[in-house]
Amino acid sequence: MPIGSGPQVHLVDLFRRHACLSIHDFWLRCFELGGMNTPWELDAFLHEASLPTYHEHNVMALALNEYFVEIGVNQTAPYIGM
């Protein structure tokens, strides 16, 4: 089920760009956490050409949040509920 709007995804992409993660590196981190999309589908989510499911959005947020911990940045990408 798509999340229905793009503002949350836009915020995830803003955080991704701020963290200087390429689409490929971000996709790999998402895939390692159980994301089931291709790099092209992830790119479509980030450019709001399609909408992720709640699960995929939260996988993207988790991937960013784990990366922020690794690099010592006090930032949290928001999760969304169903």
N, C-alpha and C. Protein backbone atom coordinates (compact mmCIF):
# COMPACT_ATOMS: atom_id res chain seq x y z
N MET A 1 0.84 -1.18 0.00
CA MET A 1 0.00 0.00 0.00
C MET A 1 0.88 1.25 0.00
N PRO A 2 0.77 2.12 -1.01
CA PRO A 2 1.56 3.35 -1.03
C PRO A 2 1.19 4.28 0.12
N ILE A 3 2.12 5.12 0.50
CA ILE A 3 1.89 6.01 1.64
C ILE A 3 0.96 7.16 1.31
N GLY A 4 0.75 7.45 0.03
CA GLY A 4 -0.27 8.41 -0.35
C GLY A 4 0.19 9.84 -0.59
N SER A 5 1.36 10.22 -0.10
CA SER A 5 1.84 11.57 -0.39
C SER A 5 3.35 11.59 -0.37
N GLY A 6 3.91 12.60 -1.01
CA GLY A 6 5.34 12.65 -1.18
C GLY A 6 6.13 13.44 -0.17
N PRO A 7 5.51 14.26 0.71
CA PRO A 7 6.34 15.08 1.61
C PRO A 7 7.31 14.28 2.47
N GLN A 8 6.87 13.12 2.97
CA GLN A 8 7.77 12.33 3.80
C GLN A 8 8.94 11.80 2.98
N VAL A 9 8.67 11.40 1.74
CA VAL A 9 9.74 10.89 0.87
C VAL A 9 10.69 12.03 0.50
N HIS A 10 10.14 13.22 0.27
CA HIS A 10 10.98 14.37 -0.04
C HIS A 10 11.94 14.63 1.12
N LEU A 11 11.47 14.50 2.34
CA LEU A 11 12.32 14.72 3.51
C LEU A 11 13.41 13.65 3.58
N VAL A 12 13.07 12.40 3.29
CA VAL A 12 14.07 11.33 3.27
C VAL A 12 15.14 11.64 2.23
N ASP A 13 14.74 12.09 1.05
CA ASP A 13 15.72 12.41 0.01
C ASP A 13 16.58 13.61 0.42
N LEU A 14 15.99 14.58 1.06
CA LEU A 14 16.76 15.73 1.56
C LEU A 14 17.83 15.27 2.54
N PHE A 15 17.48 14.39 3.47
CA PHE A 15 18.45 13.85 4.41
C PHE A 15 19.52 13.03 3.69
N ARG A 16 19.11 12.23 2.68
CA ARG A 16 20.06 11.42 1.92
C ARG A 16 21.09 12.30 1.23
N ARG A 17 20.62 13.37 0.60
CA ARG A 17 21.54 14.27 -0.08
C ARG A 17 22.44 14.99 0.92
N HIS A 18 21.89 15.38 2.06
CA HIS A 18 22.68 16.04 3.10
C HIS A 18 23.79 15.10 3.61
N ALA A 19 23.50 13.81 3.66
CA ALA A 19 24.48 12.82 4.10
C ALA A 19 25.47 12.44 2.99
N CYS A 20 25.27 12.99 1.79
CA CYS A 20 26.13 12.73 0.64
C CYS A 20 26.15 11.25 0.25
N LEU A 21 25.00 10.59 0.36
CA LEU A 21 24.87 9.20 -0.08
C LEU A 21 24.36 9.17 -1.51
N SER A 22 25.06 8.46 -2.37
CA SER A 22 24.58 8.31 -3.75
C SER A 22 23.34 7.42 -3.73
N ILE A 23 22.58 7.45 -4.80
CA ILE A 23 21.41 6.58 -4.91
C ILE A 23 21.84 5.11 -4.76
N HIS A 24 22.95 4.74 -5.42
CA HIS A 24 23.40 3.35 -5.35
C HIS A 24 23.78 2.96 -3.92
N ASP A 25 24.55 3.80 -3.24
CA ASP A 25 24.94 3.48 -1.86
C ASP A 25 23.73 3.43 -0.93
N PHE A 26 22.79 4.34 -1.15
CA PHE A 26 21.56 4.35 -0.35
C PHE A 26 20.74 3.09 -0.63
N TRP A 27 20.63 2.72 -1.91
CA TRP A 27 19.91 1.50 -2.27
C TRP A 27 20.54 0.29 -1.59
N LEU A 28 21.86 0.20 -1.63
CA LEU A 28 22.54 -0.93 -1.03
C LEU A 28 22.24 -1.03 0.45
N ARG A 29 22.27 0.08 1.14
CA ARG A 29 21.95 0.10 2.58
C ARG A 29 20.50 -0.34 2.80
N CYS A 30 19.59 0.12 1.96
CA CYS A 30 18.18 -0.28 2.08
C CYS A 30 18.03 -1.77 1.81
N PHE A 31 18.70 -2.26 0.79
CA PHE A 31 18.63 -3.68 0.43
C PHE A 31 19.14 -4.55 1.57
N GLU A 32 20.21 -4.13 2.21
CA GLU A 32 20.77 -4.88 3.33
C GLU A 32 19.79 -4.97 4.50
N LEU A 33 18.87 -4.02 4.58
CA LEU A 33 17.89 -3.99 5.68
C LEU A 33 16.55 -4.60 5.27
N GLY A 34 16.48 -5.18 4.09
CA GLY A 34 15.25 -5.84 3.67
C GLY A 34 14.44 -5.11 2.62
N GLY A 35 14.97 -4.00 2.09
CA GLY A 35 14.28 -3.30 1.01
C GLY A 35 14.22 -4.19 -0.22
N MET A 36 13.09 -4.22 -0.89
CA MET A 36 12.89 -5.15 -2.01
C MET A 36 12.86 -4.45 -3.36
N ASN A 37 13.22 -3.19 -3.42
CA ASN A 37 13.15 -2.45 -4.67
C ASN A 37 14.49 -2.44 -5.39
N THR A 38 14.42 -2.17 -6.69
CA THR A 38 15.64 -1.99 -7.48
C THR A 38 16.16 -0.58 -7.25
N PRO A 39 17.40 -0.31 -7.63
CA PRO A 39 17.91 1.06 -7.53
C PRO A 39 17.04 2.05 -8.31
N TRP A 40 16.47 1.61 -9.43
CA TRP A 40 15.64 2.49 -10.26
C TRP A 40 14.31 2.80 -9.59
N GLU A 41 13.76 1.81 -8.89
CA GLU A 41 12.52 2.05 -8.14
C GLU A 41 12.77 2.99 -6.97
N LEU A 42 13.88 2.81 -6.29
CA LEU A 42 14.24 3.70 -5.19
C LEU A 42 14.41 5.13 -5.71
N ASP A 43 15.08 5.28 -6.83
CA ASP A 43 15.25 6.60 -7.44
C ASP A 43 13.89 7.21 -7.78
N ALA A 44 12.97 6.39 -8.28
CA ALA A 44 11.62 6.90 -8.59
C ALA A 44 10.91 7.37 -7.33
N PHE A 45 11.09 6.66 -6.21
CA PHE A 45 10.50 7.11 -4.94
C PHE A 45 11.07 8.47 -4.54
N LEU A 46 12.39 8.60 -4.64
CA LEU A 46 13.05 9.82 -4.19
C LEU A 46 12.71 11.02 -5.07
N HIS A 47 12.35 10.76 -6.31
CA HIS A 47 11.95 11.85 -7.21
C HIS A 47 10.44 11.95 -7.35
N GLU A 48 9.73 11.25 -6.45
CA GLU A 48 8.28 11.28 -6.35
C GLU A 48 7.58 10.89 -7.65
N ALA A 49 8.24 10.03 -8.45
CA ALA A 49 7.60 9.49 -9.65
C ALA A 49 6.69 8.32 -9.28
N SER A 50 6.94 7.69 -8.14
CA SER A 50 6.06 6.68 -7.58
C SER A 50 6.19 6.75 -6.07
N LEU A 51 5.27 6.12 -5.37
CA LEU A 51 5.26 6.20 -3.92
C LEU A 51 5.61 4.86 -3.29
N PRO A 52 6.45 4.88 -2.26
CA PRO A 52 6.80 3.63 -1.58
C PRO A 52 5.67 3.17 -0.66
N THR A 53 5.74 1.91 -0.26
CA THR A 53 4.84 1.42 0.79
C THR A 53 5.34 1.96 2.12
N TYR A 54 4.53 1.79 3.14
CA TYR A 54 4.96 2.18 4.48
C TYR A 54 6.26 1.46 4.84
N HIS A 55 6.30 0.17 4.54
CA HIS A 55 7.50 -0.63 4.85
C HIS A 55 8.72 -0.07 4.14
N GLU A 56 8.61 0.20 2.84
CA GLU A 56 9.77 0.71 2.10
C GLU A 56 10.20 2.08 2.60
N HIS A 57 9.24 2.93 2.95
CA HIS A 57 9.60 4.24 3.51
C HIS A 57 10.39 4.05 4.80
N ASN A 58 9.90 3.18 5.66
CA ASN A 58 10.58 2.97 6.94
C ASN A 58 11.93 2.30 6.79
N VAL A 59 12.10 1.47 5.77
CA VAL A 59 13.43 0.90 5.47
C VAL A 59 14.38 2.02 5.05
N MET A 60 13.90 2.95 4.22
CA MET A 60 14.74 4.09 3.82
C MET A 60 15.13 4.93 5.03
N ALA A 61 14.16 5.20 5.92
CA ALA A 61 14.46 5.98 7.12
C ALA A 61 15.46 5.26 8.00
N LEU A 62 15.28 3.95 8.18
CA LEU A 62 16.21 3.17 8.99
C LEU A 62 17.61 3.18 8.41
N ALA A 63 17.71 3.02 7.09
CA ALA A 63 19.02 3.05 6.44
C ALA A 63 19.73 4.38 6.70
N LEU A 64 18.99 5.46 6.59
CA LEU A 64 19.58 6.77 6.87
C LEU A 64 19.97 6.90 8.33
N ASN A 65 19.08 6.49 9.22
CA ASN A 65 19.35 6.64 10.65
C ASN A 65 20.57 5.82 11.08
N GLU A 66 20.72 4.62 10.53
CA GLU A 66 21.91 3.84 10.85
C GLU A 66 23.17 4.50 10.30
N TYR A 67 23.06 5.08 9.12
CA TYR A 67 24.22 5.79 8.54
C TYR A 67 24.58 7.00 9.40
N PHE A 68 23.58 7.74 9.86
CA PHE A 68 23.85 8.90 10.71
C PHE A 68 24.59 8.48 11.98
N VAL A 69 24.20 7.36 12.57
CA VAL A 69 24.90 6.86 13.76
C VAL A 69 26.35 6.53 13.42
N GLU A 70 26.56 5.88 12.29
CA GLU A 70 27.92 5.51 11.87
C GLU A 70 28.83 6.72 11.73
N ILE A 71 28.30 7.81 11.18
CA ILE A 71 29.14 8.98 10.93
C ILE A 71 29.08 10.01 12.07
N GLY A 72 28.34 9.69 13.13
CA GLY A 72 28.29 10.55 14.30
C GLY A 72 27.46 11.81 14.12
N VAL A 73 26.43 11.74 13.31
CA VAL A 73 25.55 12.89 13.09
C VAL A 73 24.30 12.72 13.94
N ASN A 74 23.94 13.77 14.66
CA ASN A 74 22.76 13.74 15.51
C ASN A 74 21.55 14.18 14.68
N GLN A 75 21.07 13.29 13.84
CA GLN A 75 19.95 13.57 12.95
C GLN A 75 19.10 12.31 12.88
N THR A 76 17.80 12.47 12.74
CA THR A 76 16.92 11.31 12.63
C THR A 76 15.93 11.52 11.50
N ALA A 77 15.92 10.60 10.56
CA ALA A 77 14.92 10.61 9.50
C ALA A 77 13.62 10.05 10.10
N PRO A 78 12.49 10.64 9.77
CA PRO A 78 11.22 10.21 10.39
C PRO A 78 10.68 8.91 9.81
N TYR A 79 10.15 8.09 10.70
CA TYR A 79 9.41 6.89 10.31
C TYR A 79 7.95 7.27 10.18
N ILE A 80 7.18 6.44 9.48
CA ILE A 80 5.75 6.68 9.41
C ILE A 80 5.01 5.43 9.85
N GLY A 81 3.82 5.60 10.45
CA GLY A 81 3.00 4.47 10.87
C GLY A 81 2.00 4.12 9.80
N MET A 82 1.39 2.98 9.97
CA MET A 82 0.40 2.52 8.99
C MET A 82 -0.95 3.03 9.30
